[in-house]
Amino acid sequence: MNRIDYTKHAPEAFRHLLELSDRLHKGVLDPNLLELVFLRVSQINGCVFCLDMHAHALRKAGVDQRKLDTLPGWRESPLFDARERAALAWAEALNALDAGPLEENALEAVRAHFDEREVSELTFAVGAIRAWNVLNVGLRQPLPETPFEAAADAA
């Protein structure tokens, strides 16, 4: 598989996307909620690099493996609270914009659980993870040979 190293060929853009991700992690959203959104969007977009990274972050934060296992079926799982459900619904709706416009009540539904700053950061988070997914899938970023857990434990 031929890979293009975007970190080398577009270092400024890479740095800015890293900065955006870092600022989101320092924002008002709960870190686990943010990671759940990153993981769910990455599942939909098939980004194995991001799946590995964000599943590791959630496990490291103590999120139960059963919750991670049922994330694709979050609508049917009792393991997700109302805020998580609202965030995941919003993330999925934004991630599917190419299929058509947002449902009329999508924004109102997420605003029932989040204030305007949180909705704004959540929306930036979906945009950021989509950008990472596009880069990693499109430019063939491989799954690391060493899982994130093993790499983190060795550091």
C-alpha atoms as a PDB file:
ATOM      1  CA  MET A   1       0.000   0.000   0.000  1.00  0.00           C
ATOM      2  CA  ASN A   2       1.544   3.292  -1.090  1.00  0.00           C
ATOM      3  CA  ARG A   3       1.262   5.907   1.604  1.00  0.00           C
ATOM      4  CA  ILE A   4       1.637   9.673   1.424  1.00  0.00           C
ATOM      5  CA  ASP A   5       3.154  11.093   4.601  1.00  0.00           C
ATOM      6  CA  TYR A   6       1.019  14.192   5.089  1.00  0.00           C
ATOM      7  CA  THR A   7       3.032  15.177   8.168  1.00  0.00           C
ATOM      8  CA  LYS A   8       6.041  15.670   5.898  1.00  0.00           C
ATOM      9  CA  HIS A   9       4.344  17.079   2.807  1.00  0.00           C
ATOM     10  CA  ALA A  10       1.884  19.443   4.531  1.00  0.00           C
ATOM     11  CA  PRO A  11       3.484  20.161   7.921  1.00  0.00           C
ATOM     12  CA  GLU A  12       1.734  23.502   8.532  1.00  0.00           C
ATOM     13  CA  ALA A  13      -1.728  22.107   7.855  1.00  0.00           C
ATOM     14  CA  PHE A  14      -0.886  19.070   9.997  1.00  0.00           C
ATOM     15  CA  ARG A  15       0.258  21.330  12.845  1.00  0.00           C
ATOM     16  CA  HIS A  16      -2.935  23.402  12.680  1.00  0.00           C
ATOM     17  CA  LEU A  17      -5.149  20.314  12.747  1.00  0.00           C
ATOM     18  CA  LEU A  18      -3.171  19.013  15.739  1.00  0.00           C
ATOM     19  CA  GLU A  19      -3.674  22.378  17.450  1.00  0.00           C
ATOM     20  CA  LEU A  20      -7.418  22.228  16.808  1.00  0.00           C
ATOM     21  CA  SER A  21      -7.586  18.743  18.298  1.00  0.00           C
ATOM     22  CA  ASP A  22      -5.554  19.876  21.307  1.00  0.00           C
ATOM     23  CA  ARG A  23      -7.827  22.886  21.886  1.00  0.00           C
ATOM     24  CA  LEU A  24     -10.900  20.671  21.713  1.00  0.00           C
ATOM     25  CA  HIS A  25      -9.399  18.421  24.388  1.00  0.00           C
ATOM     26  CA  LYS A  26      -8.904  21.529  26.557  1.00  0.00           C
ATOM     27  CA  GLY A  27     -12.420  22.799  25.896  1.00  0.00           C
ATOM     28  CA  VAL A  28     -15.656  22.535  27.836  1.00  0.00           C
ATOM     29  CA  LEU A  29     -16.706  19.060  26.698  1.00  0.00           C
ATOM     30  CA  ASP A  30     -16.135  16.026  28.887  1.00  0.00           C
ATOM     31  CA  PRO A  31     -13.033  14.252  27.513  1.00  0.00           C
ATOM     32  CA  ASN A  32     -14.760  10.862  27.413  1.00  0.00           C
ATOM     33  CA  LEU A  33     -17.715  12.309  25.523  1.00  0.00           C
ATOM     34  CA  LEU A  34     -15.335  13.871  23.029  1.00  0.00           C
ATOM     35  CA  GLU A  35     -13.522  10.557  22.571  1.00  0.00           C
ATOM     36  CA  LEU A  36     -16.826   8.681  22.124  1.00  0.00           C
ATOM     37  CA  VAL A  37     -17.728  11.082  19.328  1.00  0.00           C
ATOM     38  CA  PHE A  38     -14.288  10.655  17.747  1.00  0.00           C
ATOM     39  CA  LEU A  39     -14.591   6.883  17.970  1.00  0.00           C
ATOM     40  CA  ARG A  40     -18.131   6.745  16.558  1.00  0.00           C
ATOM     41  CA  VAL A  41     -17.372   8.987  13.574  1.00  0.00           C
ATOM     42  CA  SER A  42     -14.209   6.975  12.907  1.00  0.00           C
ATOM     43  CA  GLN A  43     -16.244   3.748  12.987  1.00  0.00           C
ATOM     44  CA  ILE A  44     -18.617   5.124  10.373  1.00  0.00           C
ATOM     45  CA  ASN A  45     -15.752   6.390   8.199  1.00  0.00           C
ATOM     46  CA  GLY A  46     -13.647   3.234   8.552  1.00  0.00           C
ATOM     47  CA  CYS A  47     -10.491   4.904   9.861  1.00  0.00           C
ATOM     48  CA  VAL A  48      -8.569   2.107  11.576  1.00  0.00           C
ATOM     49  CA  PHE A  49      -5.800   4.439  12.754  1.00  0.00           C
ATOM     50  CA  CYS A  50      -8.338   6.642  14.572  1.00  0.00           C
ATOM     51  CA  LEU A  51     -10.301   3.642  15.840  1.00  0.00           C
ATOM     52  CA  ASP A  52      -7.169   2.266  17.491  1.00  0.00           C
ATOM     53  CA  MET A  53      -6.211   5.638  18.985  1.00  0.00           C
ATOM     54  CA  HIS A  54      -9.595   6.656  20.376  1.00  0.00           C
ATOM     55  CA  ALA A  55     -10.559   3.216  21.690  1.00  0.00           C
ATOM     56  CA  HIS A  56      -7.256   3.212  23.566  1.00  0.00           C
ATOM     57  CA  ALA A  57      -7.923   6.685  25.001  1.00  0.00           C
ATOM     58  CA  LEU A  58     -11.338   5.580  26.259  1.00  0.00           C
ATOM     59  CA  ARG A  59     -10.021   2.351  27.794  1.00  0.00           C
ATOM     60  CA  LYS A  60      -7.183   4.285  29.437  1.00  0.00           C
ATOM     61  CA  ALA A  61      -9.791   6.678  30.900  1.00  0.00           C
ATOM     62  CA  GLY A  62     -11.597   3.706  32.442  1.00  0.00           C
ATOM     63  CA  VAL A  63     -14.544   3.453  30.052  1.00  0.00           C
ATOM     64  CA  ASP A  64     -15.989  -0.042  30.235  1.00  0.00           C
ATOM     65  CA  GLN A  65     -15.152  -2.270  27.272  1.00  0.00           C
ATOM     66  CA  ARG A  66     -18.800  -3.296  27.040  1.00  0.00           C
ATOM     67  CA  LYS A  67     -19.739   0.324  26.357  1.00  0.00           C
ATOM     68  CA  LEU A  68     -17.142   0.495  23.598  1.00  0.00           C
ATOM     69  CA  ASP A  69     -18.379  -2.798  22.158  1.00  0.00           C
ATOM     70  CA  THR A  70     -21.958  -1.520  21.966  1.00  0.00           C
ATOM     71  CA  LEU A  71     -21.107   1.921  20.573  1.00  0.00           C
ATOM     72  CA  PRO A  72     -22.251   1.058  17.019  1.00  0.00           C
ATOM     73  CA  GLY A  73     -25.672   0.215  18.502  1.00  0.00           C
ATOM     74  CA  TRP A  74     -25.799   3.094  20.990  1.00  0.00           C
ATOM     75  CA  ARG A  75     -29.467   3.776  20.232  1.00  0.00           C
ATOM     76  CA  GLU A  76     -30.369   0.338  21.614  1.00  0.00           C
ATOM     77  CA  SER A  77     -27.802   0.182  24.418  1.00  0.00           C
ATOM     78  CA  PRO A  78     -28.737   1.199  27.975  1.00  0.00           C
ATOM     79  CA  LEU A  79     -25.087   2.101  28.629  1.00  0.00           C
ATOM     80  CA  PHE A  80     -25.305   5.610  27.139  1.00  0.00           C
ATOM     81  CA  ASP A  81     -26.787   8.569  28.996  1.00  0.00           C
ATOM     82  CA  ALA A  82     -28.941  11.316  27.478  1.00  0.00           C
ATOM     83  CA  ARG A  83     -26.028  13.685  26.779  1.00  0.00           C
ATOM     84  CA  GLU A  84     -24.009  10.946  25.120  1.00  0.00           C
ATOM     85  CA  ARG A  85     -27.014   9.984  22.990  1.00  0.00           C
ATOM     86  CA  ALA A  86     -27.565  13.598  21.943  1.00  0.00           C
ATOM     87  CA  ALA A  87     -23.879  14.047  21.071  1.00  0.00           C
ATOM     88  CA  LEU A  88     -23.745  10.797  19.109  1.00  0.00           C
ATOM     89  CA  ALA A  89     -26.941  11.636  17.210  1.00  0.00           C
ATOM     90  CA  TRP A  90     -25.530  15.077  16.348  1.00  0.00           C
ATOM     91  CA  ALA A  91     -22.191  13.585  15.273  1.00  0.00           C
ATOM     92  CA  GLU A  92     -23.887  11.031  13.038  1.00  0.00           C
ATOM     93  CA  ALA A  93     -26.154  13.684  11.511  1.00  0.00           C
ATOM     94  CA  LEU A  94     -23.218  15.970  10.709  1.00  0.00           C
ATOM     95  CA  ASN A  95     -21.164  13.085   9.381  1.00  0.00           C
ATOM     96  CA  ALA A  96     -23.979  12.252   6.939  1.00  0.00           C
ATOM     97  CA  LEU A  97     -24.376  15.717   5.401  1.00  0.00           C
ATOM     98  CA  ASP A  98     -23.375  14.358   2.004  1.00  0.00           C
ATOM     99  CA  ALA A  99     -26.532  12.194   2.090  1.00  0.00           C
ATOM    100  CA  GLY A 100     -28.794  15.211   2.476  1.00  0.00           C
ATOM    101  CA  PRO A 101     -29.621  18.158   4.709  1.00  0.00           C
ATOM    102  CA  LEU A 102     -29.932  17.951   8.469  1.00  0.00           C
ATOM    103  CA  GLU A 103     -33.324  17.019   9.805  1.00  0.00           C
ATOM    104  CA  GLU A 104     -35.119  20.145  10.965  1.00  0.00           C
ATOM    105  CA  ASN A 105     -35.077  19.156  14.629  1.00  0.00           C
ATOM    106  CA  ALA A 106     -31.437  17.983  14.766  1.00  0.00           C
ATOM    107  CA  LEU A 107     -30.063  21.238  16.181  1.00  0.00           C
ATOM    108  CA  GLU A 108     -32.902  21.596  18.670  1.00  0.00           C
ATOM    109  CA  ALA A 109     -32.351  18.021  19.843  1.00  0.00           C
ATOM    110  CA  VAL A 110     -28.681  18.588  20.646  1.00  0.00           C
ATOM    111  CA  ARG A 111     -29.408  22.002  22.202  1.00  0.00           C
ATOM    112  CA  ALA A 112     -31.744  20.306  24.668  1.00  0.00           C
ATOM    113  CA  HIS A 113     -28.641  18.787  26.302  1.00  0.00           C
ATOM    114  CA  PHE A 114     -25.815  21.208  25.491  1.00  0.00           C
ATOM    115  CA  ASP A 115     -25.348  24.962  25.660  1.00  0.00           C
ATOM    116  CA  GLU A 116     -24.266  26.968  22.620  1.00  0.00           C
ATOM    117  CA  ARG A 117     -20.556  26.766  23.404  1.00  0.00           C
ATOM    118  CA  GLU A 118     -20.777  23.001  23.879  1.00  0.00           C
ATOM    119  CA  VAL A 119     -22.711  22.566  20.619  1.00  0.00           C
ATOM    120  CA  SER A 120     -20.115  24.696  18.852  1.00  0.00           C
ATOM    121  CA  GLU A 121     -17.219  22.649  20.238  1.00  0.00           C
ATOM    122  CA  LEU A 122     -19.046  19.414  19.490  1.00  0.00           C
ATOM    123  CA  THR A 123     -19.537  20.554  15.898  1.00  0.00           C
ATOM    124  CA  PHE A 124     -15.859  21.484  15.587  1.00  0.00           C
ATOM    125  CA  ALA A 125     -15.005  18.059  17.027  1.00  0.00           C
ATOM    126  CA  VAL A 126     -16.990  16.293  14.318  1.00  0.00           C
ATOM    127  CA  GLY A 127     -15.316  18.428  11.667  1.00  0.00           C
ATOM    128  CA  ALA A 128     -11.874  17.722  13.116  1.00  0.00           C
ATOM    129  CA  ILE A 129     -12.284  13.958  13.330  1.00  0.00           C
ATOM    130  CA  ARG A 130     -13.733  13.880   9.828  1.00  0.00           C
ATOM    131  CA  ALA A 131     -10.632  15.719   8.617  1.00  0.00           C
ATOM    132  CA  TRP A 132      -8.381  13.188  10.383  1.00  0.00           C
ATOM    133  CA  ASN A 133     -10.440  10.325   8.925  1.00  0.00           C
ATOM    134  CA  VAL A 134     -10.154  11.754   5.406  1.00  0.00           C
ATOM    135  CA  LEU A 135      -6.391  12.188   5.770  1.00  0.00           C
ATOM    136  CA  ASN A 136      -5.762   8.772   7.277  1.00  0.00           C
ATOM    137  CA  VAL A 137      -8.060   6.797   4.977  1.00  0.00           C
ATOM    138  CA  GLY A 138      -7.384   8.788   1.822  1.00  0.00           C
ATOM    139  CA  LEU A 139      -3.605   8.906   2.202  1.00  0.00           C
ATOM    140  CA  ARG A 140      -3.419   5.333   3.487  1.00  0.00           C
ATOM    141  CA  GLN A 141      -2.200   5.891   7.044  1.00  0.00           C
ATOM    142  CA  PRO A 142      -1.610   2.321   8.236  1.00  0.00           C
ATOM    143  CA  LEU A 143      -2.681   0.830  11.507  1.00  0.00           C
ATOM    144  CA  PRO A 144       0.408   1.039  13.716  1.00  0.00           C
ATOM    145  CA  GLU A 145       2.186  -2.285  14.092  1.00  0.00           C
ATOM    146  CA  THR A 146       2.299  -1.659  17.826  1.00  0.00           C
ATOM    147  CA  PRO A 147      -1.118  -0.993  19.355  1.00  0.00           C
ATOM    148  CA  PHE A 148      -1.509   2.356  21.087  1.00  0.00           C
ATOM    149  CA  GLU A 149      -1.741   0.506  24.440  1.00  0.00           C
ATOM    150  CA  ALA A 150       1.615  -1.182  23.947  1.00  0.00           C
ATOM    151  CA  ALA A 151       3.254   1.997  22.697  1.00  0.00           C
ATOM    152  CA  ALA A 152       1.882   3.991  25.632  1.00  0.00           C
ATOM    153  CA  ASP A 153       2.977   1.356  28.142  1.00  0.00           C
ATOM    154  CA  ALA A 154       6.500   1.330  26.691  1.00  0.00           C
ATOM    155  CA  ALA A 155       6.846   5.118  26.925  1.00  0.00           C
END
